[in-house]
């Protein structure tokens, strides 16, 4: 790196306390508080001394447009660490959006946006409408980020929501916490590259759209070998994208491309998960309900060629519950979720008088979104849970049989959902749910698992499912 690009350590005298002491006296002169406003002199020095090592590792191309990173440094220099956390998170979001654009917006939106909302998301200008949590989850699903990085970023997002300047709080971030989050963002996000699997999927779809001649047997054989090397989730993502291309009116007149797409789709279908096949089957009913004759006909043709008719979903309850769960998840992460969750939760429960009313292929979807909403966003107001919607969530958890209870525990025990088990209020809500699910129709071992979680003494519950005692109780149940 050239001498002009090298950062030199900041002279501590630049951050003399005198100016900040004067600022504090200025605030006091107006009767304003000064405690927990700016970080101490020593904390600011720790940040500024560490920054050169971090920033010298960034390529100039990455730095030249990183304005939020500049704002992070400015906030750190004056001691506004909570604002700096917001700034570095904004830079993370922008970096992930760039990865999404490089990977392909259509592929991303196909995975991130479900149901009737998909048609509203088409270009880069629509990315800001995707919630940060959905962005993280979809990037993980598409293998744009690793599982471990997904967990790290979920934690940083949670901290940003809890103790960043975007929400009222009295927590003081220290220099070491801020530096740790910055290191994750720089080394694991800004300097990270898209996985080989993700690039393979993108290349396959791009080639399928580009090639104007029939695919030969050699290409088809190579394609199948590539498919075998991908994870089932990645193949399912590919199948979803190929399905979307095949039913698109934009390709209606190109017979050769459509035939190529179907040849690839038949192979991808064989290696995709059952879950994605049922999910695509539900799309047919959505198109039919919306009177979209073209997409309905093309979807049915797609399933016929893949011999997938048995994955059709003709049950209106399944379709409705799917759309309502997507809507509930959307309003939960949106503005004024406490009020907006209630009518959606009420409508979902109007379809469910007993747990048997939930189709087997959607039991996990319904329970997952109810868990997320009932555990809440860990905010101070109403302990993060909609007061009026919570009765509907509790009603469902109270009616669960052993199978349903085990699904709930399985969801909570997954690493990807660890953020639901920690925080100020979430652990208490999880224990309340466990108490609600207890009934005399459960086996003694199932009740023992619930009691163990309820009685767990740790401040958070993110380790409860990994303890030796819990594993001994659950052994063989799930």
Protein backbone atom coordinates (compact mmCIF):
# COMPACT_ATOMS: atom_id res chain seq x y z
CA UNK A 1 0.00 0.00 0.00
CA UNK A 2 1.33 3.45 -0.85
CA UNK A 3 2.47 5.85 1.81
CA UNK A 4 -0.49 8.13 1.17
CA UNK A 5 -2.91 5.32 1.94
CA UNK A 6 -1.29 4.37 5.26
CA UNK A 7 -2.95 5.53 8.46
CA UNK A 8 -0.68 6.70 11.26
CA UNK A 9 -1.62 6.46 14.96
CA UNK A 10 -3.52 9.46 16.27
CA UNK A 11 -1.63 11.72 18.66
CA UNK A 12 -3.45 11.61 21.98
CA UNK A 13 -3.08 15.35 22.36
CA UNK A 14 -5.51 15.74 19.46
CA UNK A 15 -8.22 14.36 21.74
CA UNK A 16 -7.46 16.60 24.71
CA UNK A 17 -10.14 16.59 27.39
CA UNK A 18 -10.25 20.37 27.52
CA UNK A 19 -12.63 20.82 24.61
CA UNK A 20 -15.00 18.13 25.85
CA UNK A 21 -14.93 19.48 29.41
CA UNK A 22 -15.96 22.83 27.98
CA UNK A 23 -18.77 21.13 26.09
CA UNK A 24 -19.98 19.45 29.27
CA UNK A 25 -19.93 22.79 31.13
CA UNK A 26 -21.96 24.25 28.24
CA UNK A 27 -24.61 21.54 28.72
CA UNK A 28 -24.63 22.05 32.49
CA UNK A 29 -25.17 25.77 31.93
CA UNK A 30 -28.53 24.94 30.39
CA UNK A 31 -29.36 22.38 33.06
CA UNK A 32 -28.89 19.46 30.68
CA UNK A 33 -27.46 16.07 31.77
CA UNK A 34 -23.81 15.28 31.02
CA UNK A 35 -23.48 11.73 32.33
CA UNK A 36 -23.63 8.94 29.71
CA UNK A 37 -23.52 11.51 26.89
CA UNK A 38 -19.96 11.13 25.62
CA UNK A 39 -17.43 8.40 26.39
CA UNK A 40 -14.47 9.11 28.65
CA UNK A 41 -11.11 10.37 27.38
CA UNK A 42 -9.48 6.95 27.94
CA UNK A 43 -12.23 5.13 26.03
CA UNK A 44 -11.92 7.48 23.06
CA UNK A 45 -8.13 7.04 23.02
CA UNK A 46 -8.50 3.22 22.92
CA UNK A 47 -10.69 3.47 19.84
CA UNK A 48 -8.49 5.94 17.96
CA UNK A 49 -5.28 3.99 18.68
CA UNK A 50 -6.82 0.77 17.34
CA UNK A 51 -8.36 2.21 14.18
CA UNK A 52 -5.20 2.34 11.99
CA UNK A 53 -4.71 -1.43 12.23
CA UNK A 54 -8.32 -2.01 11.16
CA UNK A 55 -8.47 0.52 8.36
CA UNK A 56 -5.07 -0.18 6.80
CA UNK A 57 -6.34 -3.67 5.95
CA UNK A 58 -9.20 -2.28 3.84
CA UNK A 59 -8.64 -1.95 0.11
CA UNK A 60 -8.80 1.67 -1.12
CA UNK A 61 -11.75 0.75 -3.36
CA UNK A 62 -13.73 -0.29 -0.29
CA UNK A 63 -12.80 2.85 1.62
CA UNK A 64 -13.44 5.54 -0.96
CA UNK A 65 -17.27 5.41 -0.66
CA UNK A 66 -17.47 4.24 2.98
CA UNK A 67 -19.02 7.45 4.32
CA UNK A 68 -20.69 5.73 7.24
CA UNK A 69 -17.27 4.41 8.25
CA UNK A 70 -16.05 8.02 8.31
CA UNK A 71 -19.05 8.91 10.45
CA UNK A 72 -18.18 5.98 12.73
CA UNK A 73 -14.72 7.47 13.27
CA UNK A 74 -16.18 10.94 13.83
CA UNK A 75 -18.64 9.59 16.40
CA UNK A 76 -15.90 7.62 18.14
CA UNK A 77 -13.58 10.63 18.24
CA UNK A 78 -16.12 12.76 20.08
CA UNK A 79 -17.25 9.86 22.28
CA UNK A 80 -20.71 9.19 20.82
CA UNK A 81 -20.23 5.42 20.79
CA UNK A 82 -23.95 4.64 20.45
CA UNK A 83 -24.09 6.76 17.28
CA UNK A 84 -20.94 5.04 16.00
CA UNK A 85 -22.65 1.66 16.39
CA UNK A 86 -25.48 2.94 14.19
CA UNK A 87 -23.03 4.21 11.59
CA UNK A 88 -21.06 0.96 11.29
CA UNK A 89 -24.32 -0.99 11.05
CA UNK A 90 -25.48 1.26 8.21
CA UNK A 91 -22.21 0.49 6.42
CA UNK A 92 -22.85 -3.24 6.93
CA UNK A 93 -26.31 -2.94 5.38
CA UNK A 94 -24.94 -1.04 2.38
CA UNK A 95 -22.19 -3.66 1.94
CA UNK A 96 -24.70 -6.54 2.03
CA UNK A 97 -26.93 -4.75 -0.45
CA UNK A 98 -23.96 -4.46 -2.83
CA UNK A 99 -23.42 -8.22 -2.51
CA UNK A 100 -27.10 -8.77 -3.29
CA UNK A 101 -26.86 -6.61 -6.42
CA UNK A 102 -23.75 -8.52 -7.53
CA UNK A 103 -25.47 -11.84 -6.89
CA UNK A 104 -28.71 -10.87 -8.64
CA UNK A 105 -31.75 -8.93 -7.42
CA UNK A 106 -34.29 -11.32 -8.93
CA UNK A 107 -32.74 -14.30 -7.14
CA UNK A 108 -32.61 -12.38 -3.87
CA UNK A 109 -36.20 -11.10 -4.03
CA UNK A 110 -37.49 -14.57 -5.00
CA UNK A 111 -36.07 -15.88 -1.72
CA UNK A 112 -36.70 -12.85 0.51
CA UNK A 113 -40.20 -11.80 -0.50
CA UNK A 114 -43.12 -14.18 -0.46
CA UNK A 115 -46.68 -14.24 -1.72
CA UNK A 116 -48.36 -11.36 -3.43
CA UNK A 117 -45.74 -8.84 -2.27
CA UNK A 118 -43.11 -10.23 -4.65
CA UNK A 119 -44.31 -8.16 -7.63
CA UNK A 120 -43.59 -4.96 -5.67
CA UNK A 121 -39.84 -5.68 -5.49
CA UNK A 122 -37.98 -5.37 -8.79
CA UNK A 123 -34.84 -3.24 -8.69
CA UNK A 124 -32.12 -1.81 -6.46
CA UNK A 125 -34.36 1.03 -5.29
CA UNK A 126 -36.58 -1.56 -3.57
CA UNK A 127 -33.78 -2.95 -1.38
CA UNK A 128 -34.25 -0.33 1.39
CA UNK A 129 -37.79 -1.71 1.86
CA UNK A 130 -36.34 -5.06 2.94
CA UNK A 131 -35.99 -5.19 6.73
CA UNK A 132 -32.47 -5.65 8.10
CA UNK A 133 -33.34 -9.00 9.71
CA UNK A 134 -34.85 -10.28 6.44
CA UNK A 135 -31.71 -9.11 4.61
CA UNK A 136 -29.52 -11.10 7.01
CA UNK A 137 -31.69 -14.22 6.90
CA UNK A 138 -31.88 -14.22 3.10
CA UNK A 139 -28.16 -13.60 2.67
CA UNK A 140 -27.55 -16.64 4.88
CA UNK A 141 -30.09 -18.70 2.95
CA UNK A 142 -28.39 -17.82 -0.34
CA UNK A 143 -24.95 -18.44 1.23
CA UNK A 144 -23.87 -14.85 0.65
CA UNK A 145 -22.79 -14.97 4.31
CA UNK A 146 -21.89 -17.95 6.49
CA UNK A 147 -23.99 -19.35 9.35
CA UNK A 148 -21.45 -18.09 11.87
CA UNK A 149 -21.38 -14.59 10.38
CA UNK A 150 -25.18 -14.58 10.34
CA UNK A 151 -25.20 -15.22 14.09
CA UNK A 152 -22.61 -12.50 14.69
CA UNK A 153 -24.52 -9.94 12.63
CA UNK A 154 -27.82 -10.85 14.30
CA UNK A 155 -26.14 -10.10 17.63
CA UNK A 156 -24.81 -6.74 16.38
CA UNK A 157 -28.23 -5.85 14.96
CA UNK A 158 -29.80 -6.77 18.29
CA UNK A 159 -27.28 -4.58 20.14
CA UNK A 160 -27.84 -1.75 17.67
CA UNK A 161 -31.60 -1.97 18.32
CA UNK A 162 -31.13 -2.19 22.08
CA UNK A 163 -28.26 0.18 22.91
CA UNK A 164 -27.58 2.16 19.72
CA UNK A 165 -28.69 5.76 19.41
CA UNK A 166 -31.67 4.71 17.30
CA UNK A 167 -33.61 3.77 20.46
CA UNK A 168 -33.85 5.32 23.94
CA UNK A 169 -31.52 3.64 26.46
CA UNK A 170 -29.06 4.42 29.25
CA UNK A 171 -26.40 1.82 28.47
CA UNK A 172 -22.82 3.01 27.96
CA UNK A 173 -20.95 1.14 25.23
CA UNK A 174 -17.29 0.63 26.05
CA UNK A 175 -14.41 0.80 23.59
CA UNK A 176 -13.71 -2.94 23.56
CA UNK A 177 -17.32 -3.78 22.68
CA UNK A 178 -17.35 -1.26 19.86
CA UNK A 179 -14.00 -2.43 18.51
CA UNK A 180 -15.17 -6.06 18.54
CA UNK A 181 -18.24 -5.19 16.48
CA UNK A 182 -16.14 -3.08 14.11
CA UNK A 183 -13.69 -5.98 13.62
CA UNK A 184 -16.54 -8.33 12.68
CA UNK A 185 -17.94 -5.81 10.21
CA UNK A 186 -14.59 -5.05 8.56
CA UNK A 187 -13.06 -8.52 8.40
CA UNK A 188 -16.19 -10.61 7.88
CA UNK A 189 -18.43 -8.29 5.85
CA UNK A 190 -16.51 -5.59 4.00
CA UNK A 191 -13.64 -7.93 3.05
CA UNK A 192 -15.74 -11.08 2.55
CA UNK A 193 -16.52 -12.63 -0.83
CA UNK A 194 -19.60 -14.45 -2.10
CA UNK A 195 -19.38 -18.23 -1.65
CA UNK A 196 -18.57 -20.54 -4.56
CA UNK A 197 -21.98 -22.21 -4.21
CA UNK A 198 -23.80 -18.91 -4.58
CA UNK A 199 -21.71 -17.98 -7.61
CA UNK A 200 -22.44 -21.40 -9.13
CA UNK A 201 -26.19 -20.87 -8.81
CA UNK A 202 -25.93 -17.37 -10.29
CA UNK A 203 -23.86 -18.65 -13.19
CA UNK A 204 -26.34 -21.45 -13.93
CA UNK A 205 -29.33 -19.12 -14.06
CA UNK A 206 -27.49 -16.45 -16.06
CA UNK A 207 -26.41 -19.05 -18.64
CA UNK A 208 -29.92 -20.47 -18.87
CA UNK A 209 -31.25 -17.01 -19.68
CA UNK A 210 -28.45 -16.21 -22.13
CA UNK A 211 -28.11 -19.39 -24.24
CA UNK A 212 -30.26 -19.21 -27.37
CA UNK A 213 -29.66 -22.78 -28.59
CA UNK A 214 -30.84 -26.12 -27.17
CA UNK A 215 -28.61 -27.49 -24.41
CA UNK A 216 -26.54 -30.52 -25.40
CA UNK A 217 -26.15 -33.70 -23.36
CA UNK A 218 -22.65 -32.74 -22.16
CA UNK A 219 -23.92 -29.47 -20.68
CA UNK A 220 -26.83 -31.25 -19.00
CA UNK A 221 -24.49 -33.86 -17.48
CA UNK A 222 -22.13 -31.14 -16.19
CA UNK A 223 -25.11 -29.30 -14.73
CA UNK A 224 -26.20 -32.36 -12.78
CA UNK A 225 -22.70 -32.83 -11.39
CA UNK A 226 -22.72 -29.20 -10.24
CA UNK A 227 -26.11 -29.70 -8.61
CA UNK A 228 -24.90 -32.71 -6.63
CA UNK A 229 -22.14 -30.60 -5.09
CA UNK A 230 -24.58 -28.00 -3.75
CA UNK A 231 -26.48 -28.15 -0.47
CA UNK A 232 -30.21 -29.04 -0.66
CA UNK A 233 -31.10 -25.49 0.36
CA UNK A 234 -29.03 -24.00 -2.45
CA UNK A 235 -30.61 -26.37 -4.98
CA UNK A 236 -34.02 -25.34 -3.64
CA UNK A 237 -33.09 -21.69 -4.13
CA UNK A 238 -32.08 -22.51 -7.70
CA UNK A 239 -35.35 -24.34 -8.35
CA UNK A 240 -37.33 -21.36 -7.05
CA UNK A 241 -35.47 -19.04 -9.42
CA UNK A 242 -35.88 -21.35 -12.42
CA UNK A 243 -39.59 -21.63 -11.63
CA UNK A 244 -39.86 -17.83 -11.55
CA UNK A 245 -38.10 -17.50 -14.90
CA UNK A 246 -40.26 -20.16 -16.55
CA UNK A 247 -43.58 -18.56 -15.57
CA UNK A 248 -42.42 -15.00 -16.36
CA UNK A 249 -44.26 -13.34 -19.27
CA UNK A 250 -40.88 -11.93 -20.36
CA UNK A 251 -39.85 -15.41 -21.56
CA UNK A 252 -43.23 -16.46 -22.95
CA UNK A 253 -42.20 -16.10 -26.61
CA UNK A 254 -38.77 -17.73 -26.41
CA UNK A 255 -39.43 -21.44 -26.90
CA UNK A 256 -35.78 -22.55 -26.82
CA UNK A 257 -35.01 -20.77 -23.53
CA UNK A 258 -38.15 -22.15 -21.91
CA UNK A 259 -37.21 -25.68 -22.97
CA UNK A 260 -33.69 -25.17 -21.61
CA UNK A 261 -35.09 -23.89 -18.31
CA UNK A 262 -37.33 -26.94 -18.00
CA UNK A 263 -34.50 -29.38 -18.69
CA UNK A 264 -32.50 -27.82 -15.87
CA UNK A 265 -35.56 -27.63 -13.63
CA UNK A 266 -36.30 -31.35 -13.94
CA UNK A 267 -32.83 -32.11 -12.58
CA UNK A 268 -32.99 -29.45 -9.86
CA UNK A 269 -36.39 -30.81 -8.81
CA UNK A 270 -34.90 -34.23 -8.03
CA UNK A 271 -32.37 -32.73 -5.59
CA UNK A 272 -34.61 -30.09 -3.97
CA UNK A 273 -36.27 -30.34 -0.57
CA UNK A 274 -39.87 -31.44 -0.07
CA UNK A 275 -40.58 -28.15 1.66
CA UNK A 276 -39.77 -26.04 -1.39
CA UNK A 277 -41.88 -28.24 -3.65
CA UNK A 278 -44.93 -27.75 -1.43
CA UNK A 279 -44.15 -24.04 -1.25
CA UNK A 280 -44.09 -23.76 -5.05
CA UNK A 281 -47.33 -25.74 -5.18
CA UNK A 282 -49.01 -23.13 -3.01
CA UNK A 283 -47.97 -20.44 -5.49
CA UNK A 284 -50.26 -22.04 -8.08
CA UNK A 285 -53.27 -21.50 -5.85
CA UNK A 286 -52.17 -17.91 -5.19
CA UNK A 287 -52.01 -17.22 -8.93
CA UNK A 288 -55.39 -18.86 -9.40
CA UNK A 289 -56.92 -16.81 -6.58
CA UNK A 290 -55.52 -13.63 -8.18
CA UNK A 291 -57.01 -14.63 -11.56
CA UNK A 292 -53.55 -14.65 -13.14
CA UNK A 293 -54.33 -17.13 -15.91
CA UNK A 294 -50.90 -17.03 -17.57
CA UNK A 295 -48.91 -17.79 -14.43
CA UNK A 296 -51.45 -20.40 -13.33
CA UNK A 297 -51.18 -22.26 -16.66
CA UNK A 298 -47.38 -22.03 -16.78
CA UNK A 299 -47.05 -23.16 -13.15
CA UNK A 300 -49.23 -26.19 -13.81
CA UNK A 301 -47.15 -27.00 -16.89
CA UNK A 302 -43.96 -26.70 -14.81
CA UNK A 303 -45.30 -29.16 -12.22
CA UNK A 304 -46.55 -31.55 -14.89
CA UNK A 305 -43.15 -31.73 -16.61
CA UNK A 306 -41.45 -32.30 -13.22
CA UNK A 307 -44.05 -34.95 -12.26
CA UNK A 308 -44.87 -32.84 -9.24
CA UNK A 309 -48.67 -32.80 -9.26
CA UNK A 310 -48.80 -34.47 -5.85
CA UNK A 311 -47.30 -31.32 -4.39
CA UNK A 312 -50.29 -29.23 -5.38
CA UNK A 313 -52.04 -27.55 -2.45
CA UNK A 314 -55.76 -27.30 -3.02
CA UNK A 315 -56.51 -26.62 0.64
CA UNK A 316 -57.55 -22.99 0.95
CA UNK A 317 -56.58 -22.99 4.63
CA UNK A 318 -52.98 -23.77 3.78
CA UNK A 319 -52.79 -20.92 1.29
CA UNK A 320 -54.48 -18.47 3.62
CA UNK A 321 -52.32 -19.38 6.63
CA UNK A 322 -49.18 -19.01 4.52
CA UNK A 323 -50.13 -15.52 3.34
CA UNK A 324 -51.23 -14.47 6.83
CA UNK A 325 -47.99 -15.69 8.42
CA UNK A 326 -46.00 -13.68 5.87
CA UNK A 327 -48.17 -10.66 6.68
CA UNK A 328 -47.74 -11.14 10.44
CA UNK A 329 -43.96 -11.36 10.07
CA UNK A 330 -43.97 -8.20 7.94
CA UNK A 331 -46.02 -6.14 10.43
CA UNK A 332 -43.98 -7.48 13.36
CA UNK A 333 -40.81 -5.93 11.92
CA UNK A 334 -42.66 -2.84 10.73
CA UNK A 335 -43.83 0.42 12.27
CA UNK A 336 -46.45 0.30 15.08
CA UNK A 337 -46.30 -3.49 15.22
CA UNK A 338 -48.12 -3.65 18.58
CA UNK A 339 -51.34 -2.45 16.95
CA UNK A 340 -50.86 -4.05 13.54
CA UNK A 341 -50.11 -7.57 14.80
CA UNK A 342 -53.48 -7.96 16.52
CA UNK A 343 -55.89 -8.17 13.54
CA UNK A 344 -53.55 -10.52 11.67
CA UNK A 345 -53.07 -12.81 14.70
CA UNK A 346 -56.85 -12.80 15.25
CA UNK A 347 -57.49 -13.80 11.63
CA UNK A 348 -54.93 -16.62 11.82
CA UNK A 349 -56.59 -18.00 14.94
CA UNK A 350 -59.99 -17.85 13.22
CA UNK A 351 -58.75 -20.79 11.14
CA UNK A 352 -57.51 -22.74 14.15
CA UNK A 353 -59.87 -24.16 16.75
CA UNK A 354 -57.58 -27.12 17.44
CA UNK A 355 -53.96 -27.87 16.60
CA UNK A 356 -55.15 -30.45 14.06
CA UNK A 357 -56.55 -27.58 11.97
CA UNK A 358 -53.01 -26.53 11.05
CA UNK A 359 -51.79 -28.41 7.95
CA UNK A 360 -48.71 -30.49 8.73
CA UNK A 361 -46.65 -28.71 6.08
CA UNK A 362 -47.36 -25.36 7.76
CA UNK A 363 -47.20 -26.22 11.49
CA UNK A 364 -43.60 -25.01 11.73
CA UNK A 365 -44.32 -21.80 9.79
CA UNK A 366 -47.23 -20.86 12.06
CA UNK A 367 -45.41 -21.74 15.29
CA UNK A 368 -42.21 -19.94 14.24
CA UNK A 369 -43.91 -16.62 13.50
CA UNK A 370 -46.05 -16.87 16.66
CA UNK A 371 -42.90 -17.56 18.69
CA UNK A 372 -41.08 -14.57 17.21
CA UNK A 373 -44.01 -12.26 17.94
CA UNK A 374 -44.80 -13.66 21.43
CA UNK A 375 -41.14 -13.53 22.52
CA UNK A 376 -41.10 -9.99 21.19
CA UNK A 377 -38.53 -7.38 20.24
CA UNK A 378 -37.13 -6.99 23.80
CA UNK A 379 -38.09 -3.32 24.06
CA UNK A 380 -39.00 -1.61 27.32
CA UNK A 381 -42.53 -0.69 26.24
CA UNK A 382 -44.83 -3.59 27.19
CA UNK A 383 -41.70 -5.74 27.50
CA UNK A 384 -41.52 -5.93 23.71
CA UNK A 385 -44.80 -7.82 23.11
CA UNK A 386 -48.09 -6.57 21.71
CA UNK A 387 -50.52 -6.70 24.68
CA UNK A 388 -53.61 -7.16 22.52
CA UNK A 389 -52.07 -9.80 20.23
CA UNK A 390 -50.43 -11.86 22.99
CA UNK A 391 -53.73 -13.50 23.96
CA UNK A 392 -53.97 -15.02 20.48
CA UNK A 393 -50.40 -16.27 20.65
CA UNK A 394 -51.01 -17.77 24.09
CA UNK A 395 -54.24 -19.38 22.89
CA UNK A 396 -52.33 -21.33 20.23
CA UNK A 397 -49.52 -22.39 22.57
CA UNK A 398 -52.08 -23.56 25.15
CA UNK A 399 -53.79 -25.91 22.69
CA UNK A 400 -50.59 -27.63 21.48
CA UNK A 401 -50.27 -31.39 21.81
CA UNK A 402 -46.93 -33.12 22.37
CA UNK A 403 -46.04 -33.01 18.69
CA UNK A 404 -46.60 -29.25 18.61
CA UNK A 405 -44.64 -28.69 21.83
CA UNK A 406 -41.68 -30.61 20.43
CA UNK A 407 -41.78 -28.50 17.26
CA UNK A 408 -41.63 -25.35 19.41
CA UNK A 409 -38.67 -26.68 21.40
CA UNK A 410 -36.92 -27.76 18.21
CA UNK A 411 -37.31 -24.24 16.75
CA UNK A 412 -36.03 -22.61 19.94
CA UNK A 413 -33.05 -24.97 20.11
CA UNK A 414 -31.67 -24.14 16.67
CA UNK A 415 -28.53 -22.01 16.52
CA UNK A 416 -30.14 -19.67 13.99
CA UNK A 417 -32.76 -18.71 16.59
CA UNK A 418 -30.44 -18.10 19.55
CA UNK A 419 -31.26 -14.39 19.48
CA UNK A 420 -34.79 -15.32 20.68
CA UNK A 421 -33.33 -16.68 23.93
CA UNK A 422 -31.34 -13.69 25.19
CA UNK A 423 -32.04 -10.13 26.20
CA UNK A 424 -33.76 -8.28 29.01
CA UNK A 425 -37.28 -9.65 28.53
CA UNK A 426 -37.11 -12.47 25.98
CA UNK A 427 -35.97 -15.23 28.41
CA UNK A 428 -38.97 -14.46 30.64
CA UNK A 429 -41.33 -14.66 27.67
CA UNK A 430 -39.84 -18.01 26.61
CA UNK A 431 -40.44 -19.36 30.13
CA UNK A 432 -44.02 -18.05 30.03
CA UNK A 433 -44.60 -19.88 26.74
CA UNK A 434 -43.23 -23.09 28.27
CA UNK A 435 -45.56 -22.69 31.23
CA UNK A 436 -48.49 -22.09 28.89
CA UNK A 437 -47.76 -25.26 26.87
CA UNK A 438 -47.77 -27.55 29.93
CA UNK A 439 -50.80 -29.85 30.06
CA UNK A 440 -51.84 -33.29 31.25
CA UNK A 441 -51.74 -34.70 27.69
CA UNK A 442 -47.95 -34.41 27.59
CA UNK A 443 -45.63 -37.22 28.66
CA UNK A 444 -43.64 -36.83 31.86
CA UNK A 445 -40.40 -36.35 29.92
CA UNK A 446 -41.92 -33.60 27.79
CA UNK A 447 -43.14 -31.81 30.91
CA UNK A 448 -39.69 -32.30 32.46
CA UNK A 449 -38.10 -30.48 29.50
CA UNK A 450 -40.47 -27.56 29.95
CA UNK A 451 -39.85 -27.48 33.70
CA UNK A 452 -36.10 -27.51 33.14
CA UNK A 453 -36.31 -24.45 30.89
CA UNK A 454 -38.67 -22.68 33.30
CA UNK A 455 -36.35 -23.33 36.23
CA UNK A 456 -33.09 -22.51 34.41
CA UNK A 457 -31.10 -20.02 36.50
CA UNK A 458 -29.03 -18.33 33.80
CA UNK A 459 -29.79 -14.73 32.85
CA UNK A 460 -30.21 -15.84 29.23
CA UNK A 461 -31.45 -19.12 27.80
CA UNK A 462 -29.13 -19.38 24.79
CA UNK A 463 -27.21 -22.24 26.47
CA UNK A 464 -30.10 -24.14 28.05
CA UNK A 465 -30.57 -26.50 25.09
CA UNK A 466 -26.88 -27.42 25.10
CA UNK A 467 -26.62 -28.43 28.76
CA UNK A 468 -25.97 -32.05 29.62
CA UNK A 469 -29.08 -32.22 31.80
CA UNK A 470 -31.42 -31.01 29.05
CA UNK A 471 -29.92 -33.36 26.47
CA UNK A 472 -30.45 -36.30 28.83
CA UNK A 473 -34.11 -35.39 29.30
CA UNK A 474 -34.84 -34.86 25.59
CA UNK A 475 -32.88 -37.90 24.37
CA UNK A 476 -34.96 -39.66 21.74
CA UNK A 477 -37.85 -37.18 21.73
CA UNK A 478 -36.57 -34.91 18.94
